[in-house]
Each structure stands twice: as structure tokens, then as C-alpha cells.
């Protein structure tokens, strides 16, 4: 079972995303802020991370930078979910190493398609010590 970390400070959006993923038989881990998200990513080594950009404690860009600097988490596919969809925001995330962006609000189909695309890449990655 693939493990997905959902880092999102909006309770209802996080719950909805987790519910969609559960229906698709993904094991989900939840974090309500960036600091907790980084901690859980390092402890749980998920197969993919969905992360909001604008959050308290540590924003999504900070989460991505922290995870890309750690050899254990640097190759985990990372998808930003954001209401900030300007070209500058997308460009900043891609420069930091994000694999994809989903603009809020996103549909279940959009979410699952983005995850599927990234997880297909994971299949060919070497084992990360799980």
C-alpha cells in the first residue's frame, strides 16, 4: 500500500483529501503545519507528499527545502497544493524541486491523476530503506 503524507492547515480540505485517498486504498499520514510535516516525512518516509504552500509554522517552500536537503527524503515526489497559482509562485516551487502543482480547488480526478503520474516515477526508484 502506497503511503501519502498530506500537509495542509485547512482542516476540511485536509480531511477531504485524506478521504479521497483512503477510498483509493492509499495509506495517509496527516500534518496540520509544515514543521510537523517535515518531522513526519523524515520519520515515516512516505511514497509521495502533498503540501500546501501557505501555512503557519513553516510554509510549503520551507518544507520542500528541508526535505530536499535530507538524503532520506530528497527523492520523495512532492506536489504543491495552492491557491497561489501565479507564474512566479509556480516557478519558485519548481526551482526548489517540486514535482507538480495542483491549484485549489482541485477535483478528486485531478488529485488522483497528479498522484498517479508521480507514483509511476517512484516505481523505478531504488529502495529508500523501507
Protein backbone atom coordinates (compact mmCIF):
# COMPACT_ATOMS: atom_id res chain seq x y z
CA UNK A 1 0.00 0.00 0.00
CA UNK A 2 1.41 3.37 -1.02
CA UNK A 3 1.86 5.93 1.76
CA UNK A 4 0.99 9.60 1.17
CA UNK A 5 1.71 12.48 3.53
CA UNK A 6 -0.86 15.29 3.35
CA UNK A 7 0.43 18.59 4.78
CA UNK A 8 -2.47 21.05 4.91
CA UNK A 9 -3.52 23.57 7.56
CA UNK A 10 -7.17 23.84 6.43
CA UNK A 11 -8.95 21.12 8.40
CA UNK A 12 -11.80 20.48 5.95
CA UNK A 13 -9.57 20.40 2.89
CA UNK A 14 -7.14 18.05 4.64
CA UNK A 15 -9.98 15.75 5.73
CA UNK A 16 -11.49 15.74 2.24
CA UNK A 17 -8.14 14.95 0.62
CA UNK A 18 -7.45 12.14 3.09
CA UNK A 19 -10.92 10.72 2.47
CA UNK A 20 -10.39 10.69 -1.32
CA UNK A 21 -7.04 8.96 -0.86
CA UNK A 22 -8.47 6.42 1.58
CA UNK A 23 -11.18 5.48 -0.95
CA UNK A 24 -8.35 4.72 -3.39
CA UNK A 25 -6.58 2.47 -0.83
CA UNK A 26 -3.71 4.82 -0.04
CA UNK A 27 -2.32 4.85 3.48
CA UNK A 28 -2.38 8.51 4.56
CA UNK A 29 -0.47 10.49 7.13
CA UNK A 30 -1.70 13.96 8.11
CA UNK A 31 0.12 17.09 9.23
CA UNK A 32 -1.56 20.41 10.03
CA UNK A 33 1.57 22.52 9.54
CA UNK A 34 4.93 22.48 7.81
CA UNK A 35 7.06 21.73 10.86
CA UNK A 36 5.04 18.64 11.70
CA UNK A 37 5.06 17.70 8.01
CA UNK A 38 8.85 17.72 7.84
CA UNK A 39 9.06 15.64 11.02
CA UNK A 40 6.55 13.06 9.76
CA UNK A 41 8.20 12.86 6.35
CA UNK A 42 11.55 12.08 7.97
CA UNK A 43 10.04 9.52 10.36
CA UNK A 44 7.56 7.82 8.01
CA UNK A 45 9.30 8.15 4.60
CA UNK A 46 6.09 8.41 2.55
CA UNK A 47 5.94 7.48 -1.12
CA UNK A 48 4.57 10.92 -2.01
CA UNK A 49 3.91 14.25 -0.30
CA UNK A 50 1.01 16.65 -0.95
CA UNK A 51 1.80 20.02 0.61
CA UNK A 52 0.01 23.34 0.85
CA UNK A 53 2.13 26.41 0.11
CA UNK A 54 0.73 28.93 2.62
CA UNK A 55 0.79 27.51 6.16
CA UNK A 56 1.70 28.58 9.68
CA UNK A 57 4.92 27.47 11.39
CA UNK A 58 6.75 26.67 8.12
CA UNK A 59 5.39 27.35 4.65
CA UNK A 60 5.42 24.80 1.84
CA UNK A 61 8.56 26.24 0.28
CA UNK A 62 10.38 25.77 3.59
CA UNK A 63 9.09 22.21 3.82
CA UNK A 64 10.36 21.42 0.34
CA UNK A 65 13.79 22.95 1.00
CA UNK A 66 14.16 20.97 4.25
CA UNK A 67 13.14 17.69 2.62
CA UNK A 68 15.33 18.14 -0.46
CA UNK A 69 18.36 18.70 1.82
CA UNK A 70 17.88 15.37 3.60
CA UNK A 71 19.17 12.33 1.65
CA UNK A 72 16.34 10.15 3.05
CA UNK A 73 13.59 12.47 1.80
CA UNK A 74 15.20 14.21 -1.17
CA UNK A 75 13.74 11.88 -3.82
CA UNK A 76 10.17 11.69 -2.47
CA UNK A 77 7.78 13.04 -5.12
CA UNK A 78 6.39 16.38 -3.92
CA UNK A 79 3.17 18.00 -5.13
CA UNK A 80 2.21 21.50 -4.03
CA UNK A 81 -1.47 22.30 -3.49
CA UNK A 82 -2.06 26.02 -3.60
CA UNK A 83 -4.48 28.84 -4.11
CA UNK A 84 -1.43 30.90 -5.19
CA UNK A 85 -1.22 29.96 -8.83
CA UNK A 86 0.73 32.84 -10.37
CA UNK A 87 3.59 32.06 -12.72
CA UNK A 88 6.08 33.40 -10.15
CA UNK A 89 4.73 31.06 -7.46
CA UNK A 90 4.84 28.04 -9.77
CA UNK A 91 8.33 28.96 -10.93
CA UNK A 92 9.60 29.33 -7.36
CA UNK A 93 8.25 25.90 -6.41
CA UNK A 94 9.72 24.23 -9.47
CA UNK A 95 13.11 25.85 -8.85
CA UNK A 96 13.08 24.38 -5.34
CA UNK A 97 12.36 20.92 -6.72
CA UNK A 98 8.57 20.46 -6.65
CA UNK A 99 7.37 17.74 -8.99
CA UNK A 100 3.90 19.16 -9.65
CA UNK A 101 1.31 21.76 -8.63
CA UNK A 102 -2.42 21.46 -8.04
CA UNK A 103 -4.42 24.68 -7.94
CA UNK A 104 -7.12 24.86 -5.28
CA UNK A 105 -9.86 23.98 -5.54
CA UNK A 106 -8.96 20.73 -7.29
CA UNK A 107 -11.20 17.80 -8.13
CA UNK A 108 -10.71 14.23 -6.97
CA UNK A 109 -9.86 13.28 -10.57
CA UNK A 110 -7.19 16.00 -10.80
CA UNK A 111 -5.71 14.91 -7.46
CA UNK A 112 -5.60 11.24 -8.39
CA UNK A 113 -4.17 11.93 -11.86
CA UNK A 114 -1.33 14.02 -10.41
CA UNK A 115 -0.57 11.37 -7.80
CA UNK A 116 -0.67 8.58 -10.38
CA UNK A 117 1.78 10.42 -12.64
CA UNK A 118 4.26 10.91 -9.80
CA UNK A 119 3.92 7.40 -8.36
CA UNK A 120 4.67 5.86 -11.75
CA UNK A 121 8.09 7.52 -11.43
CA UNK A 122 8.58 6.10 -7.91
CA UNK A 123 8.27 2.50 -9.08
CA UNK A 124 11.65 2.78 -10.79
CA UNK A 125 13.40 4.46 -7.87
CA UNK A 126 15.81 2.46 -5.68
CA UNK A 127 14.59 1.38 -2.26
CA UNK A 128 14.74 4.20 0.32
CA UNK A 129 15.42 1.88 3.24
CA UNK A 130 11.84 0.79 3.96
